[in-house]
C-alpha atoms as a PDB file:
ATOM      1  CA  GLU A   1     -32.168-103.339  12.801  1.00  0.00           C
ATOM      2  CA  GLU A   2     -34.572-100.841  13.739  1.00  0.00           C
ATOM      3  CA  GLU A   3     -32.011 -99.245  15.890  1.00  0.00           C
ATOM      4  CA  ILE A   4     -29.648 -98.594  12.938  1.00  0.00           C
ATOM      5  CA  ASP A   5     -32.707 -97.119  10.641  1.00  0.00           C
ATOM      6  CA  ASP A   6     -33.469 -94.541  13.630  1.00  0.00           C
ATOM      7  CA  ALA A   7     -29.812 -94.037  13.888  1.00  0.00           C
ATOM      8  CA  LEU A   8     -29.578 -93.530   9.847  1.00  0.00           C
ATOM      9  CA  LYS A   9     -32.838 -91.347  10.203  1.00  0.00           C
ATOM     10  CA  ALA A  10     -31.206 -89.575  13.214  1.00  0.00           C
ATOM     11  CA  LEU A  11     -27.939 -89.119  10.908  1.00  0.00           C
ATOM     12  CA  GLU A  12     -30.105 -88.195   7.926  1.00  0.00           C
ATOM     13  CA  GLU A  13     -31.534 -85.585  10.065  1.00  0.00           C
ATOM     14  CA  GLU A  14     -28.221 -84.339  11.441  1.00  0.00           C
ATOM     15  CA  GLU A  15     -27.104 -84.318   7.814  1.00  0.00           C
ATOM     16  CA  LYS A  16     -29.967 -82.352   6.701  1.00  0.00           C
ATOM     17  CA  ALA A  17     -29.722 -80.165   9.570  1.00  0.00           C
ATOM     18  CA  ALA A  18     -26.016 -79.831   8.870  1.00  0.00           C
ATOM     19  CA  ALA A  19     -26.601 -78.984   5.434  1.00  0.00           C
ATOM     20  CA  ASP A  20     -29.449 -76.285   6.560  1.00  0.00           C
ATOM     21  CA  LYS A  21     -26.739 -74.997   8.706  1.00  0.00           C
ATOM     22  CA  GLN A  22     -24.224 -74.946   5.702  1.00  0.00           C
ATOM     23  CA  ASP A  23     -26.782 -72.969   3.750  1.00  0.00           C
ATOM     24  CA  GLU A  24     -27.369 -70.673   6.342  1.00  0.00           C
ATOM     25  CA  LEU A  25     -23.454 -70.380   7.001  1.00  0.00           C
ATOM     26  CA  ASP A  26     -23.064 -69.522   3.156  1.00  0.00           C
ATOM     27  CA  LYS A  27     -25.810 -67.071   3.008  1.00  0.00           C
ATOM     28  CA  THR A  28     -24.086 -65.527   5.867  1.00  0.00           C
ATOM     29  CA  ALA A  29     -20.613 -65.563   4.472  1.00  0.00           C
ATOM     30  CA  ASP A  30     -22.260 -64.499   1.210  1.00  0.00           C
ATOM     31  CA  GLN A  31     -23.679 -61.611   3.316  1.00  0.00           C
ATOM     32  CA  LEU A  32     -20.485 -60.885   5.192  1.00  0.00           C
ATOM     33  CA  SER A  33     -18.517 -60.966   1.732  1.00  0.00           C
ATOM     34  CA  LYS A  34     -20.801 -58.274   0.482  1.00  0.00           C
ATOM     35  CA  ARG A  35     -20.508 -56.284   3.466  1.00  0.00           C
ATOM     36  CA  LEU A  36     -16.968 -56.691   3.194  1.00  0.00           C
ATOM     37  CA  GLU A  37     -16.727 -55.509  -0.254  1.00  0.00           C
ATOM     38  CA  ALA A  38     -19.039 -52.605   0.786  1.00  0.00           C
ATOM     39  CA  CYS A  39     -16.455 -51.816   3.447  1.00  0.00           C
ATOM     40  CA  ILE A  40     -13.787 -52.121   1.124  1.00  0.00           C
ATOM     41  CA  LYS A  41     -15.542 -49.679  -1.436  1.00  0.00           C
ATOM     42  CA  ARG A  42     -16.321 -47.207   1.653  1.00  0.00           C
ATOM     43  CA  GLU A  43     -12.489 -47.385   2.747  1.00  0.00           C
ATOM     44  CA  GLU A  44     -11.439 -46.465  -0.910  1.00  0.00           C
ATOM     45  CA  ASP A  45     -14.042 -43.584  -1.132  1.00  0.00           C
ATOM     46  CA  VAL A  46     -12.695 -42.463   2.491  1.00  0.00           C
ATOM     47  CA  SER A  47      -9.170 -42.922   1.176  1.00  0.00           C
ATOM     48  CA  GLN A  48     -10.002 -40.938  -2.286  1.00  0.00           C
ATOM     49  CA  ARG A  49     -11.721 -38.144   0.002  1.00  0.00           C
ATOM     50  CA  GLU A  50      -8.609 -37.999   2.353  1.00  0.00           C
ATOM     51  CA  ASP A  51      -6.539 -37.470  -0.510  1.00  0.00           C
ATOM     52  CA  LYS A  52      -8.871 -34.385  -1.662  1.00  0.00           C
ATOM     53  CA  VAL A  53      -8.630 -32.998   1.720  1.00  0.00           C
ATOM     54  CA  ALA A  54      -4.873 -33.355   1.713  1.00  0.00           C
ATOM     55  CA  THR A  55      -5.019 -31.715  -1.602  1.00  0.00           C
ATOM     56  CA  ARG A  56      -7.364 -29.015  -0.543  1.00  0.00           C
ATOM     57  CA  GLU A  57      -4.831 -28.641   2.587  1.00  0.00           C
ATOM     58  CA  GLU A  58      -1.960 -28.274   0.366  1.00  0.00           C
ATOM     59  CA  SER A  59      -3.443 -25.810  -1.897  1.00  0.00           C
ATOM     60  CA  CYS A  60      -4.982 -23.900   1.233  1.00  0.00           C
ATOM     61  CA  THR A  61      -1.421 -23.639   2.738  1.00  0.00           C
ATOM     62  CA  ILE A  62      -0.271 -22.468  -0.490  1.00  0.00           C
ATOM     63  CA  LEU A  63      -3.058 -19.574  -0.505  1.00  0.00           C
ATOM     64  CA  GLN A  64      -2.143 -18.987   2.988  1.00  0.00           C
ATOM     65  CA  ASN A  65       1.677 -18.841   2.279  1.00  0.00           C
ATOM     66  CA  GLN A  66       0.745 -16.488  -0.795  1.00  0.00           C
ATOM     67  CA  VAL A  67      -1.643 -14.271   1.349  1.00  0.00           C
ATOM     68  CA  LYS A  68       0.995 -14.068   3.996  1.00  0.00           C
ATOM     69  CA  GLU A  69       3.632 -12.985   1.164  1.00  0.00           C
ATOM     70  CA  SER A  70       0.928 -10.636  -0.298  1.00  0.00           C
ATOM     71  CA  PHE A  71       0.224  -8.997   2.946  1.00  0.00           C
ATOM     72  CA  ASP A  72       3.893  -8.745   3.821  1.00  0.00           C
ATOM     73  CA  ALA A  73       4.647  -7.045   0.780  1.00  0.00           C
ATOM     74  CA  LEU A  74       1.884  -4.758   1.243  1.00  0.00           C
ATOM     75  CA  LYS A  75       3.186  -3.666   4.642  1.00  0.00           C
ATOM     76  CA  GLU A  76       6.792  -3.075   3.475  1.00  0.00           C
ATOM     77  CA  ARG A  77       4.901  -1.201   0.716  1.00  0.00           C
ATOM     78  CA  GLU A  78       3.055   0.663   3.189  1.00  0.00           C
ATOM     79  CA  ARG A  79       6.213   1.394   5.048  1.00  0.00           C
ATOM     80  CA  ILE A  80       7.905   2.612   1.933  1.00  0.00           C
ATOM     81  CA  CYS A  81       4.880   4.871   0.979  1.00  0.00           C
ATOM     82  CA  ASP A  82       4.950   6.000   5.016  1.00  0.00           C
ATOM     83  CA  ASN A  83       9.079   7.137   4.488  1.00  0.00           C
ATOM     84  CA  GLU A  84       8.232   9.033   1.032  1.00  0.00           C
ATOM     85  CA  LEU A  85       5.184  10.676   2.661  1.00  0.00           C
ATOM     86  CA  ASN A  86       7.353  11.611   5.515  1.00  0.00           C
ATOM     87  CA  GLU A  87      10.197  12.866   2.895  1.00  0.00           C
ATOM     88  CA  ALA A  88       7.563  14.739   1.217  1.00  0.00           C
ATOM     89  CA  LYS A  89       6.355  16.234   4.529  1.00  0.00           C
ATOM     90  CA  LEU A  90      10.037  17.378   5.481  1.00  0.00           C
ATOM     91  CA  ARG A  91      10.465  18.838   1.677  1.00  0.00           C
ATOM     92  CA  ILE A  92       7.139  20.621   1.946  1.00  0.00           C
ATOM     93  CA  ASP A  93       8.051  22.227   5.382  1.00  0.00           C
ATOM     94  CA  GLY A  94      11.543  22.992   3.729  1.00  0.00           C
ATOM     95  CA  PHE A  95       9.637  25.030   1.012  1.00  0.00           C
ATOM     96  CA  ILE A  96       7.511  26.363   3.518  1.00  0.00           C
ATOM     97  CA  GLU A  97      10.562  27.628   5.443  1.00  0.00           C
ATOM     98  CA  ARG A  98      12.320  28.924   2.286  1.00  0.00           C
ATOM     99  CA  GLU A  99       8.953  30.713   1.485  1.00  0.00           C
ATOM    100  CA  ALA A 100       8.828  32.758   4.677  1.00  0.00           C
ATOM    101  CA  LYS A 101      12.575  33.693   4.218  1.00  0.00           C
ATOM    102  CA  CYS A 102      11.793  34.676   0.784  1.00  0.00           C
ATOM    103  CA  SER A 103       8.792  36.645   1.716  1.00  0.00           C
ATOM    104  CA  LYS A 104      10.735  38.249   4.536  1.00  0.00           C
ATOM    105  CA  ARG A 105      13.421  39.317   2.157  1.00  0.00           C
ATOM    106  CA  GLU A 106      10.801  40.233  -0.245  1.00  0.00           C
ATOM    107  CA  GLU A 107       9.480  42.532   2.619  1.00  0.00           C
ATOM    108  CA  GLU A 108      12.972  43.808   3.200  1.00  0.00           C
ATOM    109  CA  LEU A 109      13.517  44.460  -0.606  1.00  0.00           C
ATOM    110  CA  ALA A 110      10.238  46.365  -0.403  1.00  0.00           C
ATOM    111  CA  ARG A 111      11.231  48.398   1.968  1.00  0.00           C
ATOM    112  CA  GLN A 112      14.492  49.343   0.770  1.00  0.00           C
ATOM    113  CA  HIS A 113      12.881  50.026  -2.717  1.00  0.00           C
ATOM    114  CA  ASP A 114      10.537  52.421  -0.704  1.00  0.00           C
ATOM    115  CA  ALA A 115      13.313  54.050   0.776  1.00  0.00           C
ATOM    116  CA  LEU A 116      15.255  54.252  -2.314  1.00  0.00           C
ATOM    117  CA  LEU A 117      12.403  55.798  -3.986  1.00  0.00           C
ATOM    118  CA  GLU A 118      12.252  58.195  -1.324  1.00  0.00           C
ATOM    119  CA  LYS A 119      15.757  58.921  -1.581  1.00  0.00           C
ATOM    120  CA  GLU A 120      15.220  59.424  -5.289  1.00  0.00           C
ATOM    121  CA  ARG A 121      12.501  61.843  -4.796  1.00  0.00           C
ATOM    122  CA  LEU A 122      14.728  64.002  -2.369  1.00  0.00           C
ATOM    123  CA  LEU A 123      17.689  63.841  -4.894  1.00  0.00           C
ATOM    124  CA  SER A 124      15.331  64.736  -7.553  1.00  0.00           C
ATOM    125  CA  THR A 125      13.850  67.704  -5.315  1.00  0.00           C
ATOM    126  CA  GLU A 126      17.536  68.583  -4.356  1.00  0.00           C
ATOM    127  CA  ARG A 127      18.347  68.315  -8.159  1.00  0.00           C
ATOM    128  CA  GLY A 128      15.487  70.559  -8.840  1.00  0.00           C
ATOM    129  CA  GLU A 129      16.678  73.077  -6.151  1.00  0.00           C
ATOM    130  CA  MET A 130      20.428  72.690  -7.623  1.00  0.00           C
ATOM    131  CA  ASP A 131      19.348  73.382 -10.878  1.00  0.00           C
ATOM    132  CA  GLN A 132      17.388  76.236  -9.906  1.00  0.00           C
ATOM    133  CA  ILE A 133      20.472  77.737  -8.035  1.00  0.00           C
ATOM    134  CA  LYS A 134      22.463  76.969 -11.063  1.00  0.00           C
ATOM    135  CA  ALA A 135      20.152  79.222 -13.030  1.00  0.00           C
ATOM    136  CA  GLU A 136      20.180  81.802 -10.596  1.00  0.00           C
ATOM    137  CA  LEU A 137      23.724  81.560 -10.653  1.00  0.00           C
ATOM    138  CA  GLN A 138      24.245  81.599 -14.480  1.00  0.00           C
ATOM    139  CA  GLN A 139      21.720  84.602 -14.483  1.00  0.00           C
ATOM    140  CA  ASP A 140      23.904  86.469 -11.628  1.00  0.00           C
ATOM    141  CA  MET A 141      27.158  85.775 -13.738  1.00  0.00           C
ATOM    142  CA  GLN A 142      25.320  86.942 -17.297  1.00  0.00           C
ATOM    143  CA  ARG A 143      24.363  90.255 -15.068  1.00  0.00           C
ATOM    144  CA  ALA A 144      27.764  90.497 -13.719  1.00  0.00           C
ATOM    145  CA  GLU A 145      29.111  89.979 -17.197  1.00  0.00           C
ATOM    146  CA  LEU A 146      27.013  92.786 -18.464  1.00  0.00           C
ATOM    147  CA  SER A 147      27.857  94.880 -15.497  1.00  0.00           C
ATOM    148  CA  ILE A 148      31.894  94.503 -16.071  1.00  0.00           C
ATOM    149  CA  GLN A 149      31.226  95.405 -20.041  1.00  0.00           C
ATOM    150  CA  GLU A 150      29.068  98.387 -19.049  1.00  0.00           C
ATOM    151  CA  GLU A 151      31.812  99.693 -16.817  1.00  0.00           C
ATOM    152  CA  ASN A 152      34.499  98.776 -19.025  1.00  0.00           C
ATOM    153  CA  LYS A 153      32.685 101.122 -21.814  1.00  0.00           C
END
């Protein structure tokens, strides 16, 4: 009987130890469950952050594409402006060339004008001389007529 009592005591002690162990295991399971919930929550947070990062990356990609398109459009506009500038330079060069030709023509016309003025002056002088000769001839004719009339009388 003593052996049974001892065995019962030992069994009770083992049951108590097992119950204590079960309590510890339950506490550990609770702690692990809480940790698991915290990990799941962190995982959800990480997943949300990853989604936000992915959304930001998409936005950045869209912005990068827009910037590239804007840059390409600016490069095209610059090319067009360079072409227009070159065309304007060519037109200006043409105007300068025409202006030079006009200046030469103007100088030539001025020389011709001066030559015509000189010819006109010479012609005017000659005309004056011719008018003087004509006047002298008229006087001579009048004297001759007078002389003829006097001789006829």
